[in-house]
Amino acid sequence: ARVPLPLKEVDEVRQDAEGLLPVLGRFNEAIKRLNDRLEQVPDDVDARLQRCMLYSRTGQYTRAGSDIEVLGKSALADFGQFYMLFWQEDMDGARTYREKLLASQDLRLRFKFRCCALLDEYEEAIRYMDESADRGAPLFYVRALVSNALPGKRLAAFESSPGFESFLAQRGVDDAWPAELA
Protein backbone atom coordinates (compact mmCIF):
# COMPACT_ATOMS: atom_id res chain seq x y z
CA ALA A 1 0.00 0.00 0.00
CA ARG A 2 1.23 3.48 -0.83
CA VAL A 3 1.79 5.82 2.07
CA PRO A 4 1.06 9.40 1.02
CA LEU A 5 3.90 11.88 1.30
CA PRO A 6 3.49 14.47 4.05
CA LEU A 7 2.54 17.88 2.67
CA LYS A 8 6.05 19.20 3.41
CA GLU A 9 7.59 16.50 1.17
CA VAL A 10 5.07 17.23 -1.62
CA ASP A 11 6.25 20.87 -1.50
CA GLU A 12 9.84 19.62 -1.70
CA VAL A 13 8.97 17.64 -4.83
CA ARG A 14 7.58 20.83 -6.36
CA GLN A 15 10.68 22.80 -5.38
CA ASP A 16 12.96 20.10 -6.76
CA ALA A 17 11.14 20.36 -10.10
CA GLU A 18 12.81 23.77 -10.33
CA GLY A 19 16.03 21.79 -10.02
CA LEU A 20 15.56 20.55 -13.56
CA LEU A 21 17.74 23.43 -14.75
CA PRO A 22 20.87 21.58 -13.54
CA VAL A 23 19.70 18.43 -15.37
CA LEU A 24 19.78 20.55 -18.52
CA GLY A 25 23.27 21.81 -17.62
CA ARG A 26 22.02 25.34 -16.95
CA PHE A 27 23.89 25.71 -13.66
CA ASN A 28 24.38 29.48 -13.74
CA GLU A 29 20.69 30.09 -14.37
CA ALA A 30 19.79 27.77 -11.48
CA ILE A 31 22.26 29.56 -9.18
CA LYS A 32 20.78 32.92 -10.18
CA ARG A 33 17.26 31.74 -9.33
CA LEU A 34 18.46 30.43 -5.99
CA ASN A 35 20.26 33.72 -5.31
CA ASP A 36 17.01 35.57 -6.02
CA ARG A 37 15.07 33.23 -3.72
CA LEU A 38 17.62 33.61 -0.92
CA GLU A 39 17.56 37.39 -1.31
CA GLN A 40 13.81 37.28 -0.63
CA VAL A 41 13.92 34.52 2.02
CA PRO A 42 17.43 34.32 3.54
CA ASP A 43 16.53 31.45 5.87
CA ASP A 44 15.28 29.13 3.06
CA VAL A 45 17.35 26.08 4.02
CA ASP A 46 16.41 24.06 0.92
CA ALA A 47 17.43 26.87 -1.44
CA ARG A 48 20.70 27.35 0.44
CA LEU A 49 21.55 23.65 0.20
CA GLN A 50 20.62 23.51 -3.49
CA ARG A 51 22.86 26.50 -4.15
CA CYS A 52 25.66 24.92 -2.12
CA MET A 53 25.38 21.79 -4.25
CA LEU A 54 25.50 23.79 -7.47
CA TYR A 55 28.51 25.74 -6.24
CA SER A 56 30.25 22.44 -5.49
CA ARG A 57 29.32 20.95 -8.83
CA THR A 58 30.70 23.99 -10.67
CA GLY A 59 33.94 24.11 -8.65
CA GLN A 60 33.01 27.17 -6.56
CA TYR A 61 34.11 25.53 -3.32
CA THR A 62 34.65 28.71 -1.30
CA ARG A 63 31.06 29.76 -1.96
CA ALA A 64 29.82 26.25 -1.20
CA GLY A 65 31.73 26.37 2.09
CA SER A 66 30.06 29.67 2.98
CA ASP A 67 26.63 28.10 2.47
CA ILE A 68 27.65 25.09 4.57
CA GLU A 69 28.63 27.48 7.38
CA VAL A 70 25.21 29.15 7.23
CA LEU A 71 23.52 25.74 7.39
CA GLY A 72 25.24 25.26 10.76
CA LYS A 73 25.46 21.94 12.56
CA SER A 74 22.77 19.97 10.80
CA ALA A 75 22.36 16.88 8.65
CA LEU A 76 21.92 19.17 5.63
CA ALA A 77 25.24 20.90 6.36
CA ASP A 78 26.83 17.44 6.60
CA PHE A 79 25.30 16.55 3.25
CA GLY A 80 26.63 19.80 1.77
CA GLN A 81 30.09 18.84 3.05
CA PHE A 82 29.74 15.32 1.61
CA TYR A 83 28.72 16.75 -1.76
CA MET A 84 31.58 19.23 -1.83
CA LEU A 85 34.10 16.51 -0.96
CA PHE A 86 32.70 14.32 -3.73
CA TRP A 87 33.17 17.06 -6.34
CA GLN A 88 36.65 17.75 -5.00
CA GLU A 89 37.31 14.03 -5.62
CA ASP A 90 38.08 13.38 -1.94
CA MET A 91 36.30 10.02 -1.80
CA ASP A 92 37.73 9.05 1.60
CA GLY A 93 36.36 12.25 3.12
CA ALA A 94 33.02 11.76 1.35
CA ARG A 95 32.74 8.19 2.68
CA THR A 96 33.30 9.45 6.22
CA TYR A 97 30.31 11.78 5.86
CA ARG A 98 28.28 9.04 4.11
CA GLU A 99 28.34 6.91 7.26
CA LYS A 100 27.09 9.78 9.37
CA LEU A 101 24.41 10.74 6.86
CA LEU A 102 22.97 7.25 6.40
CA ALA A 103 22.72 6.86 10.19
CA SER A 104 20.82 10.16 10.52
CA GLN A 105 17.14 9.91 11.35
CA ASP A 106 16.64 13.52 10.23
CA LEU A 107 17.94 13.19 6.68
CA ARG A 108 15.41 12.80 3.88
CA LEU A 109 15.59 9.79 1.57
CA ARG A 110 16.66 11.80 -1.46
CA PHE A 111 19.90 12.74 0.26
CA LYS A 112 20.59 9.18 1.37
CA PHE A 113 19.96 8.10 -2.21
CA ARG A 114 22.48 10.63 -3.49
CA CYS A 115 25.12 9.53 -0.98
CA CYS A 116 24.90 5.95 -2.15
CA ALA A 117 24.51 6.66 -5.86
CA LEU A 118 27.45 9.07 -6.00
CA LEU A 119 29.67 6.48 -4.36
CA ASP A 120 28.54 3.82 -6.89
CA GLU A 121 26.53 1.89 -4.28
CA TYR A 122 23.68 1.36 -6.71
CA GLU A 123 21.73 -1.39 -4.95
CA GLU A 124 21.54 0.59 -1.73
CA ALA A 125 20.60 3.74 -3.67
CA ILE A 126 17.79 1.81 -5.39
CA ARG A 127 16.54 0.68 -1.99
CA TYR A 128 16.06 4.36 -1.08
CA MET A 129 14.34 4.99 -4.43
CA ASP A 130 11.96 2.11 -3.73
CA GLU A 131 11.17 3.45 -0.29
CA SER A 132 10.53 6.92 -1.68
CA ALA A 133 8.22 5.57 -4.41
CA ASP A 134 6.43 3.39 -1.84
CA ARG A 135 5.78 6.52 0.22
CA GLY A 136 4.08 8.06 -2.81
CA ALA A 137 6.79 10.12 -4.46
CA PRO A 138 5.84 10.54 -8.12
CA LEU A 139 7.98 8.47 -10.48
CA PHE A 140 8.77 11.62 -12.44
CA TYR A 141 10.38 13.00 -9.29
CA VAL A 142 12.36 9.81 -8.69
CA ARG A 143 13.56 9.74 -12.31
CA ALA A 144 14.48 13.44 -12.23
CA LEU A 145 16.38 12.89 -9.00
CA VAL A 146 18.53 10.25 -10.69
CA SER A 147 19.33 12.56 -13.60
CA ASN A 148 20.03 15.52 -11.32
CA ALA A 149 22.08 13.61 -8.77
CA LEU A 150 24.61 11.84 -10.96
CA PRO A 151 27.25 13.12 -13.35
CA GLY A 152 27.30 11.65 -16.88
CA LYS A 153 29.41 8.49 -16.53
CA ARG A 154 27.84 7.54 -13.21
CA LEU A 155 24.36 8.19 -14.60
CA ALA A 156 24.95 5.83 -17.53
CA ALA A 157 26.34 3.12 -15.24
CA PHE A 158 23.45 3.53 -12.78
CA GLU A 159 20.78 3.43 -15.50
CA SER A 160 22.26 0.26 -16.99
CA SER A 161 22.48 -1.55 -13.64
CA PRO A 162 20.20 -4.58 -13.25
CA GLY A 163 18.75 -3.13 -10.05
CA PHE A 164 17.64 0.08 -11.75
CA GLU A 165 16.14 -1.80 -14.69
CA SER A 166 14.27 -4.00 -12.21
CA PHE A 167 13.06 -0.93 -10.29
CA LEU A 168 11.65 0.58 -13.49
CA ALA A 169 10.03 -2.68 -14.57
CA GLN A 170 8.39 -3.14 -11.15
CA ARG A 171 7.00 0.39 -11.40
CA GLY A 172 5.71 -0.14 -14.95
CA VAL A 173 8.20 2.19 -16.63
CA ASP A 174 9.54 1.20 -20.04
CA ASP A 175 12.82 1.97 -21.83
CA ALA A 176 11.44 5.24 -23.24
CA TRP A 177 11.69 7.09 -19.93
CA PRO A 178 14.95 8.97 -20.68
CA ALA A 179 13.37 10.46 -23.81
CA GLU A 180 10.22 11.33 -21.89
CA LEU A 181 12.28 13.04 -19.17
CA ALA A 182 14.25 15.02 -21.76
C-alpha atoms as a PDB file:
ATOM      1  CA  ALA A   1       0.000   0.000   0.000  1.00  0.00           C
ATOM      2  CA  ARG A   2       1.229   3.480  -0.832  1.00  0.00           C
ATOM      3  CA  VAL A   3       1.787   5.817   2.070  1.00  0.00           C
ATOM      4  CA  PRO A   4       1.064   9.405   1.021  1.00  0.00           C
ATOM      5  CA  LEU A   5       3.899  11.884   1.305  1.00  0.00           C
ATOM      6  CA  PRO A   6       3.492  14.465   4.053  1.00  0.00           C
ATOM      7  CA  LEU A   7       2.541  17.878   2.671  1.00  0.00           C
ATOM      8  CA  LYS A   8       6.050  19.199   3.406  1.00  0.00           C
ATOM      9  CA  GLU A   9       7.586  16.497   1.169  1.00  0.00           C
ATOM     10  CA  VAL A  10       5.070  17.234  -1.615  1.00  0.00           C
ATOM     11  CA  ASP A  11       6.246  20.866  -1.499  1.00  0.00           C
ATOM     12  CA  GLU A  12       9.841  19.616  -1.704  1.00  0.00           C
ATOM     13  CA  VAL A  13       8.968  17.641  -4.828  1.00  0.00           C
ATOM     14  CA  ARG A  14       7.582  20.830  -6.364  1.00  0.00           C
ATOM     15  CA  GLN A  15      10.680  22.802  -5.382  1.00  0.00           C
ATOM     16  CA  ASP A  16      12.962  20.102  -6.764  1.00  0.00           C
ATOM     17  CA  ALA A  17      11.136  20.360 -10.098  1.00  0.00           C
ATOM     18  CA  GLU A  18      12.808  23.771 -10.327  1.00  0.00           C
ATOM     19  CA  GLY A  19      16.029  21.794 -10.017  1.00  0.00           C
ATOM     20  CA  LEU A  20      15.560  20.550 -13.561  1.00  0.00           C
ATOM     21  CA  LEU A  21      17.744  23.428 -14.747  1.00  0.00           C
ATOM     22  CA  PRO A  22      20.867  21.576 -13.541  1.00  0.00           C
ATOM     23  CA  VAL A  23      19.700  18.434 -15.368  1.00  0.00           C
ATOM     24  CA  LEU A  24      19.784  20.551 -18.516  1.00  0.00           C
ATOM     25  CA  GLY A  25      23.265  21.806 -17.621  1.00  0.00           C
ATOM     26  CA  ARG A  26      22.020  25.335 -16.947  1.00  0.00           C
ATOM     27  CA  PHE A  27      23.886  25.706 -13.655  1.00  0.00           C
ATOM     28  CA  ASN A  28      24.383  29.480 -13.736  1.00  0.00           C
ATOM     29  CA  GLU A  29      20.693  30.092 -14.371  1.00  0.00           C
ATOM     30  CA  ALA A  30      19.789  27.771 -11.481  1.00  0.00           C
ATOM     31  CA  ILE A  31      22.259  29.562  -9.182  1.00  0.00           C
ATOM     32  CA  LYS A  32      20.782  32.923 -10.180  1.00  0.00           C
ATOM     33  CA  ARG A  33      17.261  31.743  -9.334  1.00  0.00           C
ATOM     34  CA  LEU A  34      18.455  30.429  -5.989  1.00  0.00           C
ATOM     35  CA  ASN A  35      20.264  33.723  -5.306  1.00  0.00           C
ATOM     36  CA  ASP A  36      17.013  35.572  -6.017  1.00  0.00           C
ATOM     37  CA  ARG A  37      15.067  33.229  -3.724  1.00  0.00           C
ATOM     38  CA  LEU A  38      17.619  33.613  -0.918  1.00  0.00           C
ATOM     39  CA  GLU A  39      17.560  37.386  -1.315  1.00  0.00           C
ATOM     40  CA  GLN A  40      13.811  37.281  -0.626  1.00  0.00           C
ATOM     41  CA  VAL A  41      13.922  34.520   2.016  1.00  0.00           C
ATOM     42  CA  PRO A  42      17.426  34.321   3.537  1.00  0.00           C
ATOM     43  CA  ASP A  43      16.526  31.450   5.865  1.00  0.00           C
ATOM     44  CA  ASP A  44      15.284  29.131   3.065  1.00  0.00           C
ATOM     45  CA  VAL A  45      17.353  26.080   4.016  1.00  0.00           C
ATOM     46  CA  ASP A  46      16.413  24.061   0.925  1.00  0.00           C
ATOM     47  CA  ALA A  47      17.426  26.875  -1.437  1.00  0.00           C
ATOM     48  CA  ARG A  48      20.700  27.353   0.437  1.00  0.00           C
ATOM     49  CA  LEU A  49      21.550  23.648   0.197  1.00  0.00           C
ATOM     50  CA  GLN A  50      20.621  23.510  -3.493  1.00  0.00           C
ATOM     51  CA  ARG A  51      22.863  26.499  -4.152  1.00  0.00           C
ATOM     52  CA  CYS A  52      25.665  24.924  -2.120  1.00  0.00           C
ATOM     53  CA  MET A  53      25.380  21.789  -4.247  1.00  0.00           C
ATOM     54  CA  LEU A  54      25.502  23.794  -7.469  1.00  0.00           C
ATOM     55  CA  TYR A  55      28.511  25.740  -6.239  1.00  0.00           C
ATOM     56  CA  SER A  56      30.254  22.436  -5.488  1.00  0.00           C
ATOM     57  CA  ARG A  57      29.318  20.951  -8.826  1.00  0.00           C
ATOM     58  CA  THR A  58      30.701  23.990 -10.668  1.00  0.00           C
ATOM     59  CA  GLY A  59      33.938  24.114  -8.652  1.00  0.00           C
ATOM     60  CA  GLN A  60      33.011  27.174  -6.562  1.00  0.00           C
ATOM     61  CA  TYR A  61      34.111  25.530  -3.322  1.00  0.00           C
ATOM     62  CA  THR A  62      34.650  28.707  -1.296  1.00  0.00           C
ATOM     63  CA  ARG A  63      31.063  29.765  -1.965  1.00  0.00           C
ATOM     64  CA  ALA A  64      29.818  26.252  -1.198  1.00  0.00           C
ATOM     65  CA  GLY A  65      31.733  26.371   2.088  1.00  0.00           C
ATOM     66  CA  SER A  66      30.059  29.668   2.979  1.00  0.00           C
ATOM     67  CA  ASP A  67      26.626  28.103   2.470  1.00  0.00           C
ATOM     68  CA  ILE A  68      27.645  25.093   4.569  1.00  0.00           C
ATOM     69  CA  GLU A  69      28.632  27.476   7.384  1.00  0.00           C
ATOM     70  CA  VAL A  70      25.214  29.149   7.226  1.00  0.00           C
ATOM     71  CA  LEU A  71      23.515  25.736   7.392  1.00  0.00           C
ATOM     72  CA  GLY A  72      25.237  25.259  10.760  1.00  0.00           C
ATOM     73  CA  LYS A  73      25.459  21.943  12.556  1.00  0.00           C
ATOM     74  CA  SER A  74      22.766  19.967  10.798  1.00  0.00           C
ATOM     75  CA  ALA A  75      22.359  16.880   8.651  1.00  0.00           C
ATOM     76  CA  LEU A  76      21.920  19.172   5.634  1.00  0.00           C
ATOM     77  CA  ALA A  77      25.241  20.896   6.357  1.00  0.00           C
ATOM     78  CA  ASP A  78      26.830  17.445   6.596  1.00  0.00           C
ATOM     79  CA  PHE A  79      25.301  16.554   3.246  1.00  0.00           C
ATOM     80  CA  GLY A  80      26.634  19.796   1.766  1.00  0.00           C
ATOM     81  CA  GLN A  81      30.085  18.842   3.052  1.00  0.00           C
ATOM     82  CA  PHE A  82      29.737  15.316   1.605  1.00  0.00           C
ATOM     83  CA  TYR A  83      28.719  16.746  -1.760  1.00  0.00           C
ATOM     84  CA  MET A  84      31.575  19.232  -1.832  1.00  0.00           C
ATOM     85  CA  LEU A  85      34.101  16.514  -0.955  1.00  0.00           C
ATOM     86  CA  PHE A  86      32.698  14.319  -3.731  1.00  0.00           C
ATOM     87  CA  TRP A  87      33.166  17.058  -6.335  1.00  0.00           C
ATOM     88  CA  GLN A  88      36.647  17.752  -4.996  1.00  0.00           C
ATOM     89  CA  GLU A  89      37.314  14.033  -5.615  1.00  0.00           C
ATOM     90  CA  ASP A  90      38.076  13.378  -1.936  1.00  0.00           C
ATOM     91  CA  MET A  91      36.298  10.021  -1.798  1.00  0.00           C
ATOM     92  CA  ASP A  92      37.734   9.053   1.601  1.00  0.00           C
ATOM     93  CA  GLY A  93      36.365  12.254   3.116  1.00  0.00           C
ATOM     94  CA  ALA A  94      33.021  11.764   1.353  1.00  0.00           C
ATOM     95  CA  ARG A  95      32.744   8.194   2.679  1.00  0.00           C
ATOM     96  CA  THR A  96      33.302   9.451   6.221  1.00  0.00           C
ATOM     97  CA  TYR A  97      30.308  11.780   5.859  1.00  0.00           C
ATOM     98  CA  ARG A  98      28.284   9.042   4.112  1.00  0.00           C
ATOM     99  CA  GLU A  99      28.341   6.909   7.256  1.00  0.00           C
ATOM    100  CA  LYS A 100      27.091   9.778   9.374  1.00  0.00           C
ATOM    101  CA  LEU A 101      24.406  10.741   6.861  1.00  0.00           C
ATOM    102  CA  LEU A 102      22.972   7.250   6.397  1.00  0.00           C
ATOM    103  CA  ALA A 103      22.724   6.863  10.188  1.00  0.00           C
ATOM    104  CA  SER A 104      20.823  10.163  10.521  1.00  0.00           C
ATOM    105  CA  GLN A 105      17.141   9.909  11.351  1.00  0.00           C
ATOM    106  CA  ASP A 106      16.642  13.525  10.226  1.00  0.00           C
ATOM    107  CA  LEU A 107      17.940  13.194   6.677  1.00  0.00           C
ATOM    108  CA  ARG A 108      15.411  12.804   3.878  1.00  0.00           C
ATOM    109  CA  LEU A 109      15.588   9.793   1.569  1.00  0.00           C
ATOM    110  CA  ARG A 110      16.659  11.800  -1.465  1.00  0.00           C
ATOM    111  CA  PHE A 111      19.903  12.742   0.263  1.00  0.00           C
ATOM    112  CA  LYS A 112      20.585   9.184   1.374  1.00  0.00           C
ATOM    113  CA  PHE A 113      19.955   8.098  -2.207  1.00  0.00           C
ATOM    114  CA  ARG A 114      22.484  10.634  -3.494  1.00  0.00           C
ATOM    115  CA  CYS A 115      25.124   9.534  -0.977  1.00  0.00           C
ATOM    116  CA  CYS A 116      24.901   5.949  -2.154  1.00  0.00           C
ATOM    117  CA  ALA A 117      24.509   6.665  -5.863  1.00  0.00           C
ATOM    118  CA  LEU A 118      27.450   9.069  -6.000  1.00  0.00           C
ATOM    119  CA  LEU A 119      29.667   6.484  -4.364  1.00  0.00           C
ATOM    120  CA  ASP A 120      28.538   3.816  -6.888  1.00  0.00           C
ATOM    121  CA  GLU A 121      26.531   1.892  -4.281  1.00  0.00           C
ATOM    122  CA  TYR A 122      23.676   1.361  -6.706  1.00  0.00           C
ATOM    123  CA  GLU A 123      21.728  -1.393  -4.950  1.00  0.00           C
ATOM    124  CA  GLU A 124      21.541   0.592  -1.729  1.00  0.00           C
ATOM    125  CA  ALA A 125      20.600   3.737  -3.675  1.00  0.00           C
ATOM    126  CA  ILE A 126      17.794   1.810  -5.389  1.00  0.00           C
ATOM    127  CA  ARG A 127      16.539   0.676  -1.992  1.00  0.00           C
ATOM    128  CA  TYR A 128      16.057   4.360  -1.076  1.00  0.00           C
ATOM    129  CA  MET A 129      14.336   4.985  -4.432  1.00  0.00           C
ATOM    130  CA  ASP A 130      11.961   2.107  -3.727  1.00  0.00           C
ATOM    131  CA  GLU A 131      11.170   3.448  -0.288  1.00  0.00           C
ATOM    132  CA  SER A 132      10.534   6.917  -1.680  1.00  0.00           C
ATOM    133  CA  ALA A 133       8.224   5.566  -4.405  1.00  0.00           C
ATOM    134  CA  ASP A 134       6.429   3.394  -1.837  1.00  0.00           C
ATOM    135  CA  ARG A 135       5.777   6.520   0.218  1.00  0.00           C
ATOM    136  CA  GLY A 136       4.083   8.057  -2.808  1.00  0.00           C
ATOM    137  CA  ALA A 137       6.791  10.122  -4.459  1.00  0.00           C
ATOM    138  CA  PRO A 138       5.840  10.542  -8.119  1.00  0.00           C
ATOM    139  CA  LEU A 139       7.978   8.468 -10.483  1.00  0.00           C
ATOM    140  CA  PHE A 140       8.771  11.622 -12.436  1.00  0.00           C
ATOM    141  CA  TYR A 141      10.379  13.000  -9.291  1.00  0.00           C
ATOM    142  CA  VAL A 142      12.358   9.811  -8.689  1.00  0.00           C
ATOM    143  CA  ARG A 143      13.560   9.736 -12.305  1.00  0.00           C
ATOM    144  CA  ALA A 144      14.478  13.439 -12.233  1.00  0.00           C
ATOM    145  CA  LEU A 145      16.375  12.887  -9.000  1.00  0.00           C
ATOM    146  CA  VAL A 146      18.530  10.249 -10.694  1.00  0.00           C
ATOM    147  CA  SER A 147      19.332  12.561 -13.596  1.00  0.00           C
ATOM    148  CA  ASN A 148      20.027  15.519 -11.319  1.00  0.00           C
ATOM    149  CA  ALA A 149      22.084  13.611  -8.768  1.00  0.00           C
ATOM    150  CA  LEU A 150      24.610  11.840 -10.956  1.00  0.00           C
ATOM    151  CA  PRO A 151      27.250  13.119 -13.348  1.00  0.00           C
ATOM    152  CA  GLY A 152      27.304  11.651 -16.884  1.00  0.00           C
ATOM    153  CA  LYS A 153      29.412   8.487 -16.527  1.00  0.00           C
ATOM    154  CA  ARG A 154      27.841   7.536 -13.212  1.00  0.00           C
ATOM    155  CA  LEU A 155      24.357   8.186 -14.603  1.00  0.00           C
ATOM    156  CA  ALA A 156      24.950   5.831 -17.529  1.00  0.00           C
ATOM    157  CA  ALA A 157      26.335   3.121 -15.239  1.00  0.00           C
ATOM    158  CA  PHE A 158      23.452   3.530 -12.782  1.00  0.00           C
ATOM    159  CA  GLU A 159      20.778   3.431 -15.496  1.00  0.00           C
ATOM    160  CA  SER A 160      22.260   0.261 -16.993  1.00  0.00           C
ATOM    161  CA  SER A 161      22.479  -1.547 -13.639  1.00  0.00           C
ATOM    162  CA  PRO A 162      20.197  -4.580 -13.246  1.00  0.00           C
ATOM    163  CA  GLY A 163      18.751  -3.130 -10.049  1.00  0.00           C
ATOM    164  CA  PHE A 164      17.638   0.079 -11.752  1.00  0.00           C
ATOM    165  CA  GLU A 165      16.136  -1.799 -14.685  1.00  0.00           C
ATOM    166  CA  SER A 166      14.273  -3.998 -12.206  1.00  0.00           C
ATOM    167  CA  PHE A 167      13.058  -0.930 -10.293  1.00  0.00           C
ATOM    168  CA  LEU A 168      11.650   0.577 -13.495  1.00  0.00           C
ATOM    169  CA  ALA A 169      10.034  -2.683 -14.565  1.00  0.00           C
ATOM    170  CA  GLN A 170       8.386  -3.140 -11.150  1.00  0.00           C
ATOM    171  CA  ARG A 171       7.004   0.385 -11.404  1.00  0.00           C
ATOM    172  CA  GLY A 172       5.709  -0.143 -14.950  1.00  0.00           C
ATOM    173  CA  VAL A 173       8.197   2.187 -16.629  1.00  0.00           C
ATOM    174  CA  ASP A 174       9.543   1.197 -20.036  1.00  0.00           C
ATOM    175  CA  ASP A 175      12.822   1.973 -21.829  1.00  0.00           C
ATOM    176  CA  ALA A 176      11.441   5.237 -23.238  1.00  0.00           C
ATOM    177  CA  TRP A 177      11.692   7.094 -19.927  1.00  0.00           C
ATOM    178  CA  PRO A 178      14.955   8.967 -20.679  1.00  0.00           C
ATOM    179  CA  ALA A 179      13.374  10.464 -23.809  1.00  0.00           C
ATOM    180  CA  GLU A 180      10.217  11.330 -21.885  1.00  0.00           C
ATOM    181  CA  LEU A 181      12.275  13.042 -19.172  1.00  0.00           C
ATOM    182  CA  ALA A 182      14.248  15.021 -21.763  1.00  0.00           C
END
